[in-house]
Amino acid sequence: IGKTRLAVQAAANAAPDFADGVHFVSLQAVRSADMLMTAMIDALKFSLQGHDDPLSQLSRHLREKELLLILDNFEQLLPTTSIDMLLELLETSSHVKLLVTSREVLNLRQEWMLPVGGMQFPETGSAENAEAYGAVRLFVECARRIRPDFSLADELVNVIRICQIVEGVPLAIELAASWLKSLPCAEIASEIQRNLD
């Protein structure tokens, strides 16, 4: 759906509010609480010292910090002790904020959810002002990167059909437009209709 890109843009907009910056932690390859701790320590460029456990050291380090920590792709860590780790960091570091992207709800009392859906797209295949819809604009923008001569007027019905089939999901629209290297819009729509995966 593009949740990473949305999180990065939100963080960029909010960066001036955090004296100690914004730090991005990719969790795509992380599968355990220990690996989560290591990923956060690496993102923060923090060095462990002494014999205290890593979570205690990290909590002390963050106690006086004002920062935003983006934890991207958290869903594979659910349900684990990783949630307890987040809770401890939030409780001990009152000026640290977490922006967590996940396909699953964390079920934390402190959680504010922002469900992300597809972009708006026309309901009919011959919509007037089709470029007023975000999904169509995104497809055209991506299409023109691949084929500078791309004409929405010539492909309007098929572009709208593609946007409808993928329900306005930005990543799916970008992938569909990339197929313009080898397929016309009508065939792209047929291929997606046949097998959305």
N, C-alpha and C. Protein backbone atom coordinates (compact mmCIF):
# COMPACT_ATOMS: atom_id res chain seq x y z
N ILE A 1 0.83 -1.20 0.00
CA ILE A 1 0.00 0.00 0.00
C ILE A 1 0.87 1.25 0.00
N GLY A 2 2.15 1.12 0.36
CA GLY A 2 3.03 2.29 0.41
C GLY A 2 3.17 2.85 1.82
N LYS A 3 3.01 2.00 2.83
CA LYS A 3 3.05 2.49 4.22
C LYS A 3 4.43 3.02 4.60
N THR A 4 5.50 2.44 4.04
CA THR A 4 6.84 2.92 4.34
C THR A 4 7.02 4.34 3.82
N ARG A 5 6.63 4.55 2.58
CA ARG A 5 6.79 5.87 1.98
C ARG A 5 5.96 6.91 2.75
N LEU A 6 4.76 6.52 3.16
CA LEU A 6 3.91 7.42 3.93
C LEU A 6 4.55 7.76 5.28
N ALA A 7 5.12 6.75 5.94
CA ALA A 7 5.78 6.98 7.23
C ALA A 7 6.99 7.90 7.09
N VAL A 8 7.77 7.68 6.04
CA VAL A 8 8.96 8.52 5.81
C VAL A 8 8.55 9.96 5.53
N GLN A 9 7.49 10.16 4.75
CA GLN A 9 7.03 11.52 4.47
C GLN A 9 6.48 12.19 5.73
N ALA A 10 5.71 11.44 6.52
CA ALA A 10 5.19 11.99 7.78
C ALA A 10 6.34 12.37 8.70
N ALA A 11 7.36 11.53 8.76
CA ALA A 11 8.52 11.82 9.60
C ALA A 11 9.27 13.05 9.11
N ALA A 12 9.41 13.19 7.81
CA ALA A 12 10.08 14.37 7.25
C ALA A 12 9.31 15.64 7.62
N ASN A 13 7.99 15.57 7.56
CA ASN A 13 7.17 16.72 7.94
C ASN A 13 7.31 17.06 9.42
N ALA A 14 7.46 16.02 10.25
CA ALA A 14 7.52 16.22 11.70
C ALA A 14 8.93 16.44 12.23
N ALA A 15 9.95 16.26 11.42
CA ALA A 15 11.34 16.33 11.86
C ALA A 15 11.69 17.58 12.67
N PRO A 16 11.20 18.77 12.29
CA PRO A 16 11.55 19.96 13.08
C PRO A 16 11.06 19.92 14.54
N ASP A 17 10.10 19.04 14.84
CA ASP A 17 9.57 18.94 16.19
C ASP A 17 10.43 18.08 17.11
N PHE A 18 11.48 17.46 16.57
CA PHE A 18 12.29 16.53 17.35
C PHE A 18 13.74 16.99 17.37
N ALA A 19 14.17 17.51 18.52
CA ALA A 19 15.51 18.07 18.66
C ALA A 19 16.60 17.05 18.35
N ASP A 20 16.35 15.79 18.65
CA ASP A 20 17.37 14.76 18.44
C ASP A 20 17.13 13.95 17.17
N GLY A 21 16.24 14.45 16.33
CA GLY A 21 16.09 13.88 15.00
C GLY A 21 15.09 12.75 14.86
N VAL A 22 15.10 12.21 13.65
CA VAL A 22 14.24 11.11 13.25
C VAL A 22 15.16 9.96 12.85
N HIS A 23 14.84 8.77 13.31
CA HIS A 23 15.68 7.60 13.03
C HIS A 23 14.80 6.49 12.45
N PHE A 24 15.25 5.92 11.34
CA PHE A 24 14.50 4.89 10.62
C PHE A 24 15.09 3.52 10.93
N VAL A 25 14.21 2.59 11.32
CA VAL A 25 14.64 1.22 11.62
C VAL A 25 13.86 0.28 10.70
N SER A 26 14.56 -0.30 9.74
CA SER A 26 13.93 -1.28 8.85
C SER A 26 13.88 -2.62 9.57
N LEU A 27 12.69 -3.20 9.66
CA LEU A 27 12.51 -4.47 10.36
C LEU A 27 12.21 -5.61 9.40
N GLN A 28 12.46 -5.39 8.14
CA GLN A 28 12.12 -6.39 7.14
C GLN A 28 12.78 -7.74 7.42
N ALA A 29 14.02 -7.74 7.87
CA ALA A 29 14.75 -9.00 8.14
C ALA A 29 14.75 -9.37 9.62
N VAL A 30 14.10 -8.59 10.45
CA VAL A 30 14.12 -8.81 11.90
C VAL A 30 13.02 -9.80 12.28
N ARG A 31 13.38 -10.81 13.08
CA ARG A 31 12.42 -11.85 13.43
C ARG A 31 12.31 -12.11 14.94
N SER A 32 13.04 -11.36 15.76
CA SER A 32 12.99 -11.60 17.20
C SER A 32 13.21 -10.30 17.96
N ALA A 33 12.87 -10.33 19.25
CA ALA A 33 13.06 -9.15 20.10
C ALA A 33 14.53 -8.77 20.18
N ASP A 34 15.42 -9.76 20.23
CA ASP A 34 16.85 -9.47 20.29
C ASP A 34 17.31 -8.75 19.02
N MET A 35 16.82 -9.23 17.89
CA MET A 35 17.18 -8.59 16.62
C MET A 35 16.59 -7.18 16.54
N LEU A 36 15.40 -6.99 17.11
CA LEU A 36 14.80 -5.65 17.15
C LEU A 36 15.67 -4.70 17.94
N MET A 37 16.14 -5.17 19.10
CA MET A 37 17.01 -4.33 19.94
C MET A 37 18.27 -3.95 19.17
N THR A 38 18.87 -4.91 18.50
CA THR A 38 20.08 -4.64 17.72
C THR A 38 19.81 -3.64 16.60
N ALA A 39 18.68 -3.80 15.92
CA ALA A 39 18.33 -2.89 14.83
C ALA A 39 18.13 -1.45 15.34
N MET A 40 17.48 -1.31 16.50
CA MET A 40 17.26 0.03 17.06
C MET A 40 18.59 0.65 17.50
N ILE A 41 19.44 -0.13 18.15
CA ILE A 41 20.75 0.37 18.60
C ILE A 41 21.57 0.82 17.40
N ASP A 42 21.56 0.03 16.32
CA ASP A 42 22.30 0.41 15.11
C ASP A 42 21.75 1.69 14.50
N ALA A 43 20.43 1.81 14.41
CA ALA A 43 19.81 3.00 13.81
C ALA A 43 20.13 4.26 14.61
N LEU A 44 20.22 4.10 15.92
CA LEU A 44 20.50 5.25 16.79
C LEU A 44 22.00 5.53 16.93
N LYS A 45 22.83 4.64 16.33
CA LYS A 45 24.30 4.77 16.43
C LYS A 45 24.74 4.85 17.89
N PHE A 46 24.16 3.97 18.68
CA PHE A 46 24.40 3.92 20.12
C PHE A 46 25.28 2.71 20.42
N SER A 47 26.26 2.88 21.30
CA SER A 47 27.16 1.77 21.67
C SER A 47 26.82 1.28 23.06
N LEU A 48 26.65 -0.03 23.19
CA LEU A 48 26.42 -0.63 24.50
C LEU A 48 27.72 -0.64 25.30
N GLN A 49 27.58 -0.40 26.61
CA GLN A 49 28.75 -0.42 27.49
C GLN A 49 28.34 -1.02 28.82
N GLY A 50 29.26 -1.69 29.47
CA GLY A 50 28.98 -2.25 30.79
C GLY A 50 28.23 -3.56 30.70
N HIS A 51 27.69 -3.97 31.85
CA HIS A 51 27.06 -5.29 31.97
C HIS A 51 25.54 -5.24 32.04
N ASP A 52 24.96 -4.05 32.09
CA ASP A 52 23.50 -3.97 32.12
C ASP A 52 22.93 -4.52 30.82
N ASP A 53 21.69 -5.01 30.92
CA ASP A 53 21.07 -5.56 29.71
C ASP A 53 20.86 -4.44 28.69
N PRO A 54 20.84 -4.78 27.39
CA PRO A 54 20.72 -3.76 26.34
C PRO A 54 19.49 -2.87 26.45
N LEU A 55 18.35 -3.43 26.85
CA LEU A 55 17.14 -2.62 26.95
C LEU A 55 17.30 -1.54 28.02
N SER A 56 17.89 -1.89 29.16
CA SER A 56 18.11 -0.88 30.22
C SER A 56 19.05 0.21 29.74
N GLN A 57 20.10 -0.17 29.03
CA GLN A 57 21.05 0.82 28.53
C GLN A 57 20.38 1.74 27.49
N LEU A 58 19.60 1.14 26.61
CA LEU A 58 18.92 1.94 25.60
C LEU A 58 17.90 2.87 26.24
N SER A 59 17.17 2.37 27.24
CA SER A 59 16.19 3.20 27.95
C SER A 59 16.86 4.40 28.60
N ARG A 60 18.00 4.19 29.24
CA ARG A 60 18.74 5.30 29.87
C ARG A 60 19.22 6.29 28.81
N HIS A 61 19.70 5.76 27.69
CA HIS A 61 20.20 6.62 26.61
C HIS A 61 19.07 7.52 26.06
N LEU A 62 17.88 6.97 25.95
CA LEU A 62 16.76 7.70 25.36
C LEU A 62 16.01 8.58 26.35
N ARG A 63 16.24 8.39 27.63
CA ARG A 63 15.47 9.07 28.67
C ARG A 63 15.35 10.58 28.44
N GLU A 64 16.42 11.23 28.05
CA GLU A 64 16.41 12.69 27.89
C GLU A 64 16.34 13.12 26.41
N LYS A 65 16.13 12.19 25.53
CA LYS A 65 16.11 12.50 24.10
C LYS A 65 14.72 12.91 23.64
N GLU A 66 14.70 13.75 22.61
CA GLU A 66 13.48 14.12 21.91
C GLU A 66 13.64 13.65 20.47
N LEU A 67 13.09 12.46 20.19
CA LEU A 67 13.28 11.93 18.85
C LEU A 67 12.10 11.08 18.41
N LEU A 68 12.05 10.87 17.11
CA LEU A 68 11.03 10.02 16.50
C LEU A 68 11.75 8.80 15.95
N LEU A 69 11.25 7.65 16.33
CA LEU A 69 11.82 6.39 15.88
C LEU A 69 10.80 5.70 14.99
N ILE A 70 11.13 5.52 13.72
CA ILE A 70 10.24 4.82 12.79
C ILE A 70 10.61 3.35 12.81
N LEU A 71 9.65 2.51 13.17
CA LEU A 71 9.85 1.05 13.15
C LEU A 71 9.01 0.52 11.99
N ASP A 72 9.68 0.19 10.90
CA ASP A 72 8.99 -0.15 9.66
C ASP A 72 8.86 -1.66 9.46
N ASN A 73 7.65 -2.12 9.20
CA ASN A 73 7.33 -3.54 8.97
C ASN A 73 7.39 -4.34 10.28
N PHE A 74 6.64 -3.90 11.25
CA PHE A 74 6.66 -4.52 12.57
C PHE A 74 5.85 -5.82 12.63
N GLU A 75 5.00 -6.08 11.64
CA GLU A 75 4.03 -7.18 11.74
C GLU A 75 4.66 -8.55 12.00
N GLN A 76 5.86 -8.82 11.49
CA GLN A 76 6.43 -10.15 11.70
C GLN A 76 6.94 -10.35 13.13
N LEU A 77 6.93 -9.31 13.93
CA LEU A 77 7.34 -9.43 15.33
C LEU A 77 6.16 -9.66 16.27
N LEU A 78 4.96 -9.76 15.72
CA LEU A 78 3.76 -9.94 16.55
C LEU A 78 3.37 -11.40 16.60
N PRO A 79 2.82 -11.89 17.68
CA PRO A 79 2.94 -11.35 19.04
C PRO A 79 4.24 -11.86 19.67
N THR A 80 5.01 -10.97 20.21
CA THR A 80 6.27 -11.36 20.87
C THR A 80 6.53 -10.42 22.02
N THR A 81 7.67 -10.64 22.64
CA THR A 81 8.09 -9.76 23.73
C THR A 81 8.51 -8.40 23.20
N SER A 82 8.55 -8.26 21.88
CA SER A 82 8.90 -6.97 21.28
C SER A 82 7.94 -5.87 21.73
N ILE A 83 6.68 -6.23 21.93
CA ILE A 83 5.69 -5.25 22.40
C ILE A 83 6.07 -4.75 23.79
N ASP A 84 6.49 -5.66 24.66
CA ASP A 84 6.92 -5.26 26.00
C ASP A 84 8.11 -4.30 25.93
N MET A 85 8.99 -4.55 24.99
CA MET A 85 10.15 -3.68 24.81
C MET A 85 9.70 -2.28 24.41
N LEU A 86 8.76 -2.19 23.48
CA LEU A 86 8.25 -0.88 23.07
C LEU A 86 7.59 -0.15 24.23
N LEU A 87 6.80 -0.89 25.01
CA LEU A 87 6.14 -0.29 26.17
C LEU A 87 7.15 0.27 27.16
N GLU A 88 8.20 -0.47 27.43
CA GLU A 88 9.22 0.02 28.38
C GLU A 88 9.89 1.28 27.83
N LEU A 89 10.21 1.28 26.55
CA LEU A 89 10.84 2.48 25.97
C LEU A 89 9.91 3.69 26.06
N LEU A 90 8.63 3.48 25.80
CA LEU A 90 7.67 4.58 25.88
C LEU A 90 7.51 5.08 27.31
N GLU A 91 7.51 4.17 28.27
CA GLU A 91 7.33 4.56 29.67
C GLU A 91 8.54 5.28 30.24
N THR A 92 9.73 4.90 29.82
CA THR A 92 10.94 5.50 30.39
C THR A 92 11.45 6.70 29.60
N SER A 93 10.93 6.90 28.39
CA SER A 93 11.42 7.98 27.53
C SER A 93 10.23 8.81 27.06
N SER A 94 9.83 9.75 27.87
CA SER A 94 8.58 10.47 27.61
C SER A 94 8.62 11.35 26.36
N HIS A 95 9.81 11.69 25.85
CA HIS A 95 9.90 12.54 24.67
C HIS A 95 10.26 11.76 23.41
N VAL A 96 10.27 10.46 23.52
CA VAL A 96 10.50 9.60 22.36
C VAL A 96 9.14 9.18 21.82
N LYS A 97 8.96 9.33 20.53
CA LYS A 97 7.73 8.92 19.87
C LYS A 97 8.07 7.81 18.89
N LEU A 98 7.15 6.87 18.75
CA LEU A 98 7.33 5.77 17.82
C LEU A 98 6.30 5.89 16.70
N LEU A 99 6.77 5.73 15.48
CA LEU A 99 5.90 5.64 14.32
C LEU A 99 6.12 4.23 13.78
N VAL A 100 5.12 3.38 13.97
CA VAL A 100 5.26 1.96 13.64
C VAL A 100 4.37 1.64 12.45
N THR A 101 4.98 1.07 11.41
CA THR A 101 4.18 0.59 10.29
C THR A 101 4.00 -0.91 10.46
N SER A 102 2.77 -1.36 10.22
CA SER A 102 2.46 -2.78 10.41
C SER A 102 1.18 -3.12 9.69
N ARG A 103 1.11 -4.34 9.22
CA ARG A 103 -0.15 -4.81 8.62
C ARG A 103 -1.11 -5.28 9.71
N GLU A 104 -0.60 -5.42 10.92
CA GLU A 104 -1.39 -5.89 12.05
C GLU A 104 -1.47 -4.80 13.12
N VAL A 105 -2.56 -4.78 13.85
CA VAL A 105 -2.74 -3.85 14.95
C VAL A 105 -1.86 -4.32 16.12
N LEU A 106 -1.21 -3.38 16.81
CA LEU A 106 -0.35 -3.75 17.93
C LEU A 106 -1.15 -4.01 19.21
N ASN A 107 -2.34 -3.45 19.29
CA ASN A 107 -3.21 -3.58 20.47
C ASN A 107 -2.58 -2.98 21.73
N LEU A 108 -2.02 -1.81 21.58
CA LEU A 108 -1.48 -1.07 22.73
C LEU A 108 -2.44 0.04 23.11
N ARG A 109 -2.54 0.31 24.38
CA ARG A 109 -3.40 1.40 24.85
C ARG A 109 -2.94 2.73 24.26
N GLN A 110 -1.63 2.90 24.09
CA GLN A 110 -1.07 4.15 23.58
C GLN A 110 -1.18 4.27 22.06
N GLU A 111 -1.64 3.24 21.40
CA GLU A 111 -1.64 3.19 19.94
C GLU A 111 -2.70 4.11 19.33
N TRP A 112 -2.29 4.87 18.34
CA TRP A 112 -3.20 5.64 17.50
C TRP A 112 -3.09 5.03 16.12
N MET A 113 -4.18 4.49 15.64
CA MET A 113 -4.14 3.81 14.34
C MET A 113 -4.51 4.76 13.22
N LEU A 114 -3.83 4.60 12.10
CA LEU A 114 -4.17 5.31 10.88
C LEU A 114 -4.24 4.26 9.77
N PRO A 115 -5.42 3.70 9.55
CA PRO A 115 -5.54 2.72 8.46
C PRO A 115 -5.25 3.40 7.12
N VAL A 116 -4.47 2.73 6.31
CA VAL A 116 -4.09 3.28 5.01
C VAL A 116 -4.74 2.43 3.93
N GLY A 117 -5.55 3.07 3.12
CA GLY A 117 -6.21 2.37 2.02
C GLY A 117 -5.71 2.87 0.69
N GLY A 118 -6.37 2.44 -0.35
CA GLY A 118 -5.99 2.85 -1.69
C GLY A 118 -6.37 4.30 -1.96
N MET A 119 -5.79 4.82 -3.03
CA MET A 119 -6.09 6.18 -3.47
C MET A 119 -7.46 6.20 -4.16
N GLN A 120 -8.04 7.36 -4.26
CA GLN A 120 -9.34 7.47 -4.92
C GLN A 120 -9.20 7.23 -6.42
N PHE A 121 -10.19 6.54 -6.97
CA PHE A 121 -10.20 6.24 -8.40
C PHE A 121 -11.63 6.39 -8.91
N PRO A 122 -11.80 6.62 -10.21
CA PRO A 122 -13.15 6.77 -10.77
C PRO A 122 -13.94 5.46 -10.68
N GLU A 123 -15.22 5.58 -10.45
CA GLU A 123 -16.08 4.39 -10.36
C GLU A 123 -16.49 3.88 -11.73
N THR A 124 -16.49 4.77 -12.72
CA THR A 124 -16.87 4.37 -14.07
C THR A 124 -15.68 4.50 -15.01
N GLY A 125 -15.74 3.78 -16.13
CA GLY A 125 -14.63 3.75 -17.07
C GLY A 125 -14.48 4.97 -17.94
N SER A 126 -15.42 5.86 -17.92
CA SER A 126 -15.32 7.05 -18.77
C SER A 126 -15.52 8.32 -17.94
N ALA A 127 -14.89 8.35 -16.81
CA ALA A 127 -15.07 9.47 -15.89
C ALA A 127 -14.52 10.77 -16.46
N GLU A 128 -15.30 11.82 -16.32
CA GLU A 128 -14.80 13.13 -16.67
C GLU A 128 -13.84 13.56 -15.57
N ASN A 129 -12.86 14.36 -15.93
CA ASN A 129 -11.86 14.83 -14.97
C ASN A 129 -11.15 13.66 -14.28
N ALA A 130 -10.81 12.64 -15.04
CA ALA A 130 -10.17 11.45 -14.46
C ALA A 130 -8.88 11.81 -13.73
N GLU A 131 -8.17 12.83 -14.23
CA GLU A 131 -6.90 13.20 -13.59
C GLU A 131 -7.11 13.88 -12.24
N ALA A 132 -8.35 14.12 -11.87
CA ALA A 132 -8.62 14.66 -10.54
C ALA A 132 -8.48 13.57 -9.48
N TYR A 133 -8.43 12.32 -9.90
CA TYR A 133 -8.31 11.19 -8.98
C TYR A 133 -6.83 10.83 -8.79
N GLY A 134 -6.43 10.67 -7.54
CA GLY A 134 -5.04 10.39 -7.21
C GLY A 134 -4.49 9.14 -7.87
N ALA A 135 -5.29 8.08 -7.94
CA ALA A 135 -4.83 6.82 -8.53
C ALA A 135 -4.48 7.01 -10.00
N VAL A 136 -5.32 7.74 -10.73
CA VAL A 136 -5.08 7.99 -12.15
C VAL A 136 -3.84 8.86 -12.33
N ARG A 137 -3.71 9.91 -11.52
CA ARG A 137 -2.53 10.78 -11.61
C ARG A 137 -1.25 9.99 -11.37
N LEU A 138 -1.27 9.11 -10.37
CA LEU A 138 -0.08 8.31 -10.07
C LEU A 138 0.26 7.40 -11.25
N PHE A 139 -0.75 6.74 -11.82
CA PHE A 139 -0.48 5.86 -12.96
C PHE A 139 0.14 6.67 -14.11
N VAL A 140 -0.43 7.81 -14.43
CA VAL A 140 0.06 8.63 -15.53
C VAL A 140 1.50 9.09 -15.25
N GLU A 141 1.76 9.51 -14.03
CA GLU A 141 3.12 9.95 -13.66
C GLU A 141 4.13 8.82 -13.87
N CYS A 142 3.78 7.63 -13.39
CA CYS A 142 4.68 6.47 -13.53
C CYS A 142 4.79 6.06 -15.00
N ALA A 143 3.70 6.10 -15.72
CA ALA A 143 3.70 5.72 -17.13
C ALA A 143 4.60 6.64 -17.95
N ARG A 144 4.57 7.91 -17.66
CA ARG A 144 5.37 8.87 -18.44
C ARG A 144 6.86 8.77 -18.14
N ARG A 145 7.22 8.17 -17.00
CA ARG A 145 8.63 7.90 -16.73
C ARG A 145 9.14 6.81 -17.67
N ILE A 146 8.25 5.89 -18.01
CA ILE A 146 8.62 4.76 -18.86
C ILE A 146 8.42 5.10 -20.33
N ARG A 147 7.29 5.74 -20.61
CA ARG A 147 6.95 6.13 -21.98
C ARG A 147 6.57 7.61 -21.98
N PRO A 148 7.53 8.50 -22.26
CA PRO A 148 7.25 9.94 -22.22
C PRO A 148 6.09 10.37 -23.11
N ASP A 149 5.76 9.58 -24.12
CA ASP A 149 4.67 9.93 -25.02
C ASP A 149 3.32 9.35 -24.58
N PHE A 150 3.26 8.81 -23.37
CA PHE A 150 2.02 8.19 -22.88
C PHE A 150 0.88 9.19 -22.90
N SER A 151 -0.26 8.78 -23.45
CA SER A 151 -1.43 9.65 -23.55
C SER A 151 -2.59 9.06 -22.75
N LEU A 152 -3.00 9.77 -21.72
CA LEU A 152 -4.14 9.32 -20.93
C LEU A 152 -5.41 9.30 -21.79
N ALA A 153 -5.55 10.26 -22.67
CA ALA A 153 -6.76 10.32 -23.51
C ALA A 153 -6.92 9.04 -24.31
N ASP A 154 -5.81 8.50 -24.82
CA ASP A 154 -5.87 7.27 -25.62
C ASP A 154 -6.12 6.03 -24.76
N GLU A 155 -5.73 6.08 -23.50
CA GLU A 155 -5.78 4.88 -22.64
C GLU A 155 -6.73 5.03 -21.45
N LEU A 156 -7.56 6.04 -21.45
CA LEU A 156 -8.38 6.38 -20.29
C LEU A 156 -9.16 5.19 -19.73
N VAL A 157 -9.90 4.49 -20.57
CA VAL A 157 -10.74 3.39 -20.10
C VAL A 157 -9.89 2.31 -19.42
N ASN A 158 -8.74 1.97 -20.03
CA ASN A 158 -7.89 0.92 -19.47
C ASN A 158 -7.17 1.36 -18.20
N VAL A 159 -6.75 2.61 -18.14
CA VAL A 159 -6.11 3.12 -16.93
C VAL A 159 -7.10 3.10 -15.77
N ILE A 160 -8.32 3.53 -16.02
CA ILE A 160 -9.34 3.50 -14.97
C ILE A 160 -9.61 2.06 -14.55
N ARG A 161 -9.67 1.16 -15.51
CA ARG A 161 -9.90 -0.26 -15.20
C ARG A 161 -8.78 -0.80 -14.31
N ILE A 162 -7.53 -0.47 -14.62
CA ILE A 162 -6.40 -0.91 -13.80
C ILE A 162 -6.54 -0.36 -12.38
N CYS A 163 -6.84 0.92 -12.26
CA CYS A 163 -6.99 1.54 -10.93
C CYS A 163 -8.13 0.88 -10.14
N GLN A 164 -9.19 0.51 -10.83
CA GLN A 164 -10.32 -0.15 -10.15
C GLN A 164 -9.94 -1.56 -9.69
N ILE A 165 -9.27 -2.32 -10.55
CA ILE A 165 -8.91 -3.70 -10.21
C ILE A 165 -7.99 -3.73 -8.99
N VAL A 166 -7.02 -2.82 -8.93
CA VAL A 166 -6.06 -2.81 -7.81
C VAL A 166 -6.58 -1.97 -6.64
N GLU A 167 -7.80 -1.47 -6.76
CA GLU A 167 -8.47 -0.71 -5.70
C GLU A 167 -7.66 0.50 -5.23
N GLY A 168 -6.94 1.12 -6.18
CA GLY A 168 -6.21 2.34 -5.87
C GLY A 168 -4.96 2.16 -5.03
N VAL A 169 -4.49 0.93 -4.86
CA VAL A 169 -3.29 0.68 -4.05
C VAL A 169 -2.07 1.24 -4.78
N PRO A 170 -1.36 2.22 -4.17
CA PRO A 170 -0.25 2.89 -4.86
C PRO A 170 0.83 1.95 -5.38
N LEU A 171 1.27 1.01 -4.57
CA LEU A 171 2.34 0.11 -5.01
C LEU A 171 1.89 -0.71 -6.21
N ALA A 172 0.66 -1.18 -6.20
CA ALA A 172 0.13 -1.96 -7.32
C ALA A 172 0.03 -1.09 -8.59
N ILE A 173 -0.34 0.16 -8.43
CA ILE A 173 -0.42 1.07 -9.58
C ILE A 173 0.97 1.28 -10.17
N GLU A 174 1.97 1.49 -9.31
CA GLU A 174 3.33 1.68 -9.79
C GLU A 174 3.84 0.44 -10.52
N LEU A 175 3.56 -0.74 -9.96
CA LEU A 175 3.98 -1.99 -10.61
C LEU A 175 3.27 -2.17 -11.95
N ALA A 176 1.98 -1.89 -11.99
CA ALA A 176 1.23 -2.01 -13.24
C ALA A 176 1.79 -1.08 -14.30
N ALA A 177 2.08 0.15 -13.93
CA ALA A 177 2.62 1.11 -14.89
C ALA A 177 3.99 0.67 -15.40
N SER A 178 4.76 -0.01 -14.57
CA SER A 178 6.09 -0.47 -15.01
C SER A 178 6.00 -1.50 -16.13
N TRP A 179 4.87 -2.18 -16.25
CA TRP A 179 4.68 -3.16 -17.31
C TRP A 179 4.54 -2.52 -18.68
N LEU A 180 4.38 -1.20 -18.73
CA LEU A 180 4.26 -0.50 -20.01
C LEU A 180 5.50 -0.66 -20.88
N LYS A 181 6.59 -1.14 -20.29
CA LYS A 181 7.80 -1.42 -21.07
C LYS A 181 7.52 -2.48 -22.12
N SER A 182 6.60 -3.41 -21.79
CA SER A 182 6.38 -4.53 -22.71
C SER A 182 4.91 -4.80 -23.06
N LEU A 183 3.97 -4.18 -22.36
CA LEU A 183 2.55 -4.45 -22.61
C LEU A 183 1.75 -3.15 -22.74
N PRO A 184 0.73 -3.15 -23.58
CA PRO A 184 -0.18 -2.00 -23.61
C PRO A 184 -1.14 -2.06 -22.41
N CYS A 185 -1.77 -0.96 -22.10
CA CYS A 185 -2.65 -0.87 -20.93
C CYS A 185 -3.76 -1.92 -20.92
N ALA A 186 -4.34 -2.21 -22.07
CA ALA A 186 -5.43 -3.20 -22.12
C ALA A 186 -4.94 -4.57 -21.66
N GLU A 187 -3.73 -4.96 -22.08
CA GLU A 187 -3.19 -6.26 -21.67
C GLU A 187 -2.78 -6.26 -20.20
N ILE A 188 -2.28 -5.13 -19.73
CA ILE A 188 -1.94 -5.03 -18.30
C ILE A 188 -3.20 -5.26 -17.47
N ALA A 189 -4.28 -4.59 -17.84
CA ALA A 189 -5.55 -4.76 -17.11
C ALA A 189 -6.01 -6.21 -17.16
N SER A 190 -5.91 -6.86 -18.32
CA SER A 190 -6.33 -8.26 -18.45
C SER A 190 -5.46 -9.18 -17.60
N GLU A 191 -4.15 -8.95 -17.59
CA GLU A 191 -3.24 -9.77 -16.79
C GLU A 191 -3.55 -9.64 -15.29
N ILE A 192 -3.78 -8.42 -14.84
CA ILE A 192 -4.09 -8.20 -13.43
C ILE A 192 -5.45 -8.83 -13.09
N GLN A 193 -6.41 -8.67 -13.99
CA GLN A 193 -7.74 -9.26 -13.76
C GLN A 193 -7.64 -10.77 -13.63
N ARG A 194 -6.79 -11.39 -14.46
CA ARG A 194 -6.64 -12.84 -14.45
C ARG A 194 -5.97 -13.33 -13.17
N ASN A 195 -4.96 -12.57 -12.69
CA ASN A 195 -4.22 -12.99 -11.51
C ASN A 195 -3.70 -11.76 -10.78
N LEU A 196 -4.42 -11.33 -9.77
CA LEU A 196 -4.05 -10.12 -9.04
C LEU A 196 -2.69 -10.24 -8.39
N ASP A 197 -2.30 -11.44 -7.94
CA ASP A 197 -0.98 -11.63 -7.34
C ASP A 197 0.12 -11.31 -8.33
